[in-house]
Amino acid sequence: MTTEDAIVFDKLSLRYPQGEDVLRNLSFRLAGGSFHFVQGPSGSGKSTLLRLVRMDLFADRGKLLLFGKEVSSCGREEQARLRRRLGLVFQDFRLIPWLSVLDNVALPLRIAGEEDSSACAKARELLAWVELSGREAALPDTLSGGQRQCVAIARAVIARPDFLLADEPTGCLDSGIAERVLFLLSELQRGGMGILFATHDEALVQRLGHAILRLQNGQVVREDGWRTGAGEEPSPQVLQQAAG
């Protein structure tokens, strides 16, 4: 992935059926390979923003471009191709409880048609990276919350997505495990993967020092902390604050 724009919001707004705007007039650009926090209190629109990026929801007004494609003008097949370039990590892990740790991680490659031996080899490599070697045969419910989140990260990145969307992935973890998860995500970003990380944890955000996109009541109210990682070009800043 290059540092060209991977995600572009252009005056985008979303209104729920009851008539209330959830997100209002958002305009910003995220470079490929960049790490950005989406920070704000509960109800500010963080999760909704991520749902728009992964095309679970579609905007009422404005445009969303993913990897140069305007999603509203894409057919289902093109949208599916765009989704395959995204990885997903959630607060509640969303592991399949009756599958082993190894099978959970290997699942995306198996679905894509990769040979089982290759998928399992890559899954073992990732489990070693998240320090879970030896737990390949374990079921998710036998792991701690932090271990399950590490399995979820391994599953999300095994197909090498261009951008990883993380929705409050540390919200139910203690501070030590949360920092371990953030370290893993930062390592992925240093390897060239883009990260968009939604959280309400201000202390955790400040310790990392990555770029921050702040939301309040569905609007951009502030952006700060913009910086680059080693070898990166400067990541684009938010172009325009949302209109009141």
Protein backbone atom coordinates (compact mmCIF):
# COMPACT_ATOMS: atom_id res chain seq x y z
CA MET A 1 0.00 0.00 0.00
CA THR A 2 1.31 3.44 -0.87
CA THR A 3 0.83 6.66 1.04
CA GLU A 4 -1.79 7.80 -1.46
CA ASP A 5 -5.28 8.43 -0.08
CA ALA A 6 -6.90 5.16 0.96
CA ILE A 7 -10.02 6.56 2.66
CA VAL A 8 -11.64 9.87 1.71
CA PHE A 9 -14.75 11.38 3.31
CA ASP A 10 -16.08 14.27 1.21
CA LYS A 11 -18.83 16.30 2.95
CA LEU A 12 -20.39 13.05 4.09
CA SER A 13 -23.51 12.87 6.26
CA LEU A 14 -25.64 9.99 7.52
CA ARG A 15 -29.16 10.21 8.93
CA TYR A 16 -30.88 7.40 10.78
CA PRO A 17 -34.52 6.57 9.90
CA GLN A 18 -35.87 8.51 12.88
CA GLY A 19 -34.57 11.66 11.19
CA GLU A 20 -31.53 12.49 13.32
CA ASP A 21 -28.12 13.10 11.73
CA VAL A 22 -25.56 10.65 13.11
CA LEU A 23 -22.62 12.09 11.18
CA ARG A 24 -22.63 15.56 9.66
CA ASN A 25 -20.55 16.97 6.82
CA LEU A 26 -17.37 15.00 7.48
CA SER A 27 -14.40 15.76 5.22
CA PHE A 28 -11.00 14.14 5.75
CA ARG A 29 -8.42 12.00 3.99
CA LEU A 30 -6.43 9.05 5.37
CA ALA A 31 -3.25 7.95 3.65
CA GLY A 32 -2.45 4.32 3.01
CA GLY A 33 -0.14 2.95 5.69
CA SER A 34 -1.16 5.59 8.26
CA PHE A 35 -2.40 5.09 11.84
CA HIS A 36 -5.31 7.21 13.01
CA PHE A 37 -7.35 7.14 16.17
CA VAL A 38 -11.04 8.07 16.02
CA GLN A 39 -11.63 9.45 19.49
CA GLY A 40 -14.77 10.68 21.19
CA PRO A 41 -17.37 9.88 23.86
CA SER A 42 -20.03 7.22 23.48
CA GLY A 43 -22.60 8.31 20.92
CA SER A 44 -20.23 10.63 19.04
CA GLY A 45 -20.36 8.51 15.86
CA LYS A 46 -17.11 6.49 16.05
CA SER A 47 -18.60 3.09 15.35
CA THR A 48 -20.93 4.51 12.69
CA LEU A 49 -17.94 6.02 10.89
CA LEU A 50 -16.26 2.60 10.77
CA ARG A 51 -19.47 0.96 9.58
CA LEU A 52 -19.54 3.42 6.67
CA VAL A 53 -15.95 2.55 5.74
CA ARG A 54 -16.69 -1.17 5.72
CA MET A 55 -19.90 -0.51 3.73
CA ASP A 56 -22.35 -1.83 6.30
CA LEU A 57 -24.02 1.59 5.97
CA PHE A 58 -24.15 4.09 3.12
CA ALA A 59 -24.21 7.88 3.36
CA ASP A 60 -27.26 10.03 2.66
CA ARG A 61 -25.17 12.95 1.42
CA GLY A 62 -21.59 13.40 0.31
CA LYS A 63 -19.08 10.87 -0.96
CA LEU A 64 -16.91 8.08 0.43
CA LEU A 65 -13.94 6.91 -1.62
CA LEU A 66 -12.04 3.72 -0.79
CA PHE A 67 -8.77 3.14 -2.60
CA GLY A 68 -9.83 5.60 -5.27
CA LYS A 69 -13.33 4.16 -5.82
CA GLU A 70 -16.51 6.02 -4.89
CA VAL A 71 -18.43 3.31 -3.07
CA SER A 72 -21.94 4.54 -3.93
CA SER A 73 -21.21 4.10 -7.63
CA CYS A 74 -19.73 0.61 -7.26
CA GLY A 75 -21.70 -2.54 -7.94
CA ARG A 76 -21.87 -5.40 -5.46
CA GLU A 77 -18.89 -7.24 -6.91
CA GLU A 78 -16.69 -4.14 -6.76
CA GLN A 79 -17.84 -3.42 -3.21
CA ALA A 80 -16.94 -7.00 -2.27
CA ARG A 81 -13.46 -6.51 -3.73
CA LEU A 82 -13.06 -3.32 -1.70
CA ARG A 83 -14.18 -5.10 1.47
CA ARG A 84 -11.49 -7.73 0.93
CA ARG A 85 -8.92 -4.95 1.23
CA LEU A 86 -10.16 -4.20 4.76
CA GLY A 87 -9.52 -6.13 7.97
CA LEU A 88 -11.88 -5.92 10.97
CA VAL A 89 -11.26 -6.17 14.71
CA PHE A 90 -14.03 -5.68 17.27
CA GLN A 91 -14.34 -5.26 21.02
CA ASP A 92 -16.27 -8.54 21.36
CA PHE A 93 -13.70 -10.55 19.33
CA ARG A 94 -16.33 -12.34 17.14
CA LEU A 95 -14.40 -15.60 17.09
CA ILE A 96 -16.25 -18.77 16.12
CA PRO A 97 -16.54 -20.64 19.44
CA TRP A 98 -16.59 -24.19 18.04
CA LEU A 99 -13.47 -23.70 15.92
CA SER A 100 -9.97 -24.00 17.31
CA VAL A 101 -7.67 -21.00 17.54
CA LEU A 102 -5.79 -22.21 14.46
CA ASP A 103 -8.99 -22.73 12.48
CA ASN A 104 -10.32 -19.29 13.43
CA VAL A 105 -7.16 -17.60 12.17
CA ALA A 106 -6.92 -19.70 8.99
CA LEU A 107 -10.61 -19.25 8.10
CA PRO A 108 -10.30 -16.16 5.81
CA LEU A 109 -7.70 -17.90 3.65
CA ARG A 110 -9.75 -21.09 3.46
CA ILE A 111 -12.80 -19.08 2.38
CA ALA A 112 -10.65 -17.44 -0.30
CA GLY A 113 -9.73 -20.89 -1.62
CA GLU A 114 -6.14 -21.16 -0.39
CA GLU A 115 -4.81 -24.67 0.16
CA ASP A 116 -5.28 -25.87 3.72
CA SER A 117 -1.61 -26.56 4.31
CA SER A 118 -0.66 -23.04 3.27
CA ALA A 119 -3.47 -21.43 5.28
CA CYS A 120 -2.50 -23.35 8.41
CA ALA A 121 1.20 -22.52 8.00
CA LYS A 122 0.41 -18.80 7.78
CA ALA A 123 -1.96 -19.07 10.76
CA ARG A 124 0.75 -20.71 12.88
CA GLU A 125 3.21 -17.98 11.91
CA LEU A 126 0.78 -15.28 13.01
CA LEU A 127 -0.05 -17.09 16.25
CA ALA A 128 3.66 -17.17 17.03
CA TRP A 129 3.81 -13.44 16.34
CA VAL A 130 1.02 -12.76 18.86
CA GLU A 131 2.73 -15.10 21.36
CA LEU A 132 0.15 -17.88 21.20
CA SER A 133 2.29 -20.74 19.94
CA GLY A 134 1.14 -23.93 21.59
CA ARG A 135 -2.50 -22.83 21.82
CA GLU A 136 -3.43 -23.71 18.24
CA ALA A 137 -5.84 -26.48 19.30
CA ALA A 138 -7.49 -24.46 22.07
CA LEU A 139 -11.07 -23.24 21.77
CA PRO A 140 -11.63 -19.47 22.13
CA ASP A 141 -13.58 -19.77 25.40
CA THR A 142 -10.53 -21.29 27.10
CA LEU A 143 -8.45 -18.16 26.43
CA SER A 144 -8.25 -14.89 28.34
CA GLY A 145 -9.82 -11.77 26.85
CA GLY A 146 -6.44 -10.46 25.77
CA GLN A 147 -5.53 -13.74 24.11
CA ARG A 148 -8.83 -13.85 22.25
CA GLN A 149 -8.25 -10.30 20.99
CA CYS A 150 -4.80 -11.33 19.75
CA VAL A 151 -6.41 -14.26 17.89
CA ALA A 152 -8.93 -11.83 16.39
CA ILE A 153 -6.10 -9.56 15.21
CA ALA A 154 -4.27 -12.51 13.65
CA ARG A 155 -7.45 -13.55 11.82
CA ALA A 156 -8.07 -9.98 10.63
CA VAL A 157 -4.62 -9.56 9.09
CA ILE A 158 -3.88 -13.04 7.72
CA ALA A 159 -5.14 -12.04 4.27
CA ARG A 160 -2.89 -8.95 4.33
CA PRO A 161 -5.53 -6.21 4.10
CA ASP A 162 -4.49 -2.72 3.10
CA PHE A 163 -6.39 -1.10 5.97
CA LEU A 164 -7.42 -2.49 9.37
CA LEU A 165 -10.55 -1.13 11.06
CA ALA A 166 -10.53 -1.59 14.84
CA ASP A 167 -13.75 -0.77 16.73
CA GLU A 168 -13.01 -0.35 20.47
CA PRO A 169 -10.76 -3.45 20.43
CA THR A 170 -9.29 -2.70 23.87
CA GLY A 171 -12.54 -1.61 25.54
CA CYS A 172 -12.93 -4.74 27.70
CA LEU A 173 -9.22 -5.37 28.33
CA ASP A 174 -7.13 -4.29 31.30
CA SER A 175 -4.56 -1.57 30.66
CA GLY A 176 -1.56 -3.87 30.35
CA ILE A 177 -3.21 -6.15 27.78
CA ALA A 178 -4.63 -3.12 25.96
CA GLU A 179 -1.13 -1.73 25.50
CA ARG A 180 0.02 -5.12 24.17
CA VAL A 181 -2.78 -5.04 21.58
CA LEU A 182 -1.85 -1.49 20.60
CA PHE A 183 1.79 -2.53 20.24
CA LEU A 184 0.76 -5.29 17.83
CA LEU A 185 -1.31 -2.85 15.78
CA SER A 186 1.54 -0.34 15.71
CA GLU A 187 3.85 -3.08 14.44
CA LEU A 188 1.41 -3.79 11.62
CA GLN A 189 1.34 -0.11 10.71
CA ARG A 190 5.12 0.03 10.62
CA GLY A 191 4.93 -2.84 8.15
CA GLY A 192 2.77 -0.71 5.84
CA MET A 193 -0.78 -1.53 6.90
CA GLY A 194 -3.17 1.37 7.52
CA ILE A 195 -4.98 1.40 10.87
CA LEU A 196 -8.20 3.21 11.79
CA PHE A 197 -8.80 2.69 15.52
CA ALA A 198 -11.98 3.88 17.25
CA THR A 199 -11.79 4.36 21.01
CA HIS A 200 -13.10 6.51 23.85
CA ASP A 201 -9.97 5.84 25.96
CA GLU A 202 -8.22 9.22 26.04
CA ALA A 203 -5.29 7.99 28.18
CA LEU A 204 -4.50 5.18 25.77
CA VAL A 205 -4.64 7.54 22.79
CA GLN A 206 -2.25 10.01 24.37
CA ARG A 207 0.34 7.34 25.15
CA LEU A 208 0.64 6.27 21.53
CA GLY A 209 1.02 9.68 19.88
CA HIS A 210 -0.61 8.74 16.58
CA ALA A 211 -2.86 11.08 14.61
CA ILE A 212 -6.25 11.73 16.23
CA LEU A 213 -9.57 12.49 14.59
CA ARG A 214 -11.93 13.74 17.31
CA LEU A 215 -15.71 13.45 17.00
CA GLN A 216 -18.49 14.95 19.06
CA ASN A 217 -22.17 14.57 18.28
CA GLY A 218 -21.36 13.31 14.80
CA GLN A 219 -19.10 16.18 13.84
CA VAL A 220 -15.37 16.72 13.54
CA VAL A 221 -14.58 19.06 16.42
CA ARG A 222 -10.81 18.78 16.47
CA GLU A 223 -7.84 17.04 14.89
CA ASP A 224 -4.43 16.91 16.47
CA GLY A 225 -1.36 14.82 17.08
CA TRP A 226 -0.60 14.40 13.37
CA ARG A 227 2.75 12.82 12.82
CA THR A 228 4.44 10.21 10.66
CA GLY A 229 6.10 6.92 11.42
CA ALA A 230 9.58 5.99 10.35
CA GLY A 231 9.96 6.32 6.62
CA GLU A 232 6.46 7.67 6.01
CA GLU A 233 5.45 10.73 4.12
CA PRO A 234 3.37 13.10 6.24
CA SER A 235 -0.16 11.76 6.58
CA PRO A 236 -2.84 14.14 5.23
CA GLN A 237 -4.64 16.24 7.81
CA VAL A 238 -8.35 16.70 8.03
CA LEU A 239 -9.17 19.15 5.25
CA GLN A 240 -12.16 20.81 6.77
CA GLN A 241 -13.94 20.81 10.11
CA ALA A 242 -17.58 19.88 9.98
CA ALA A 243 -20.09 22.65 9.66
CA GLY A 244 -22.22 23.40 12.71
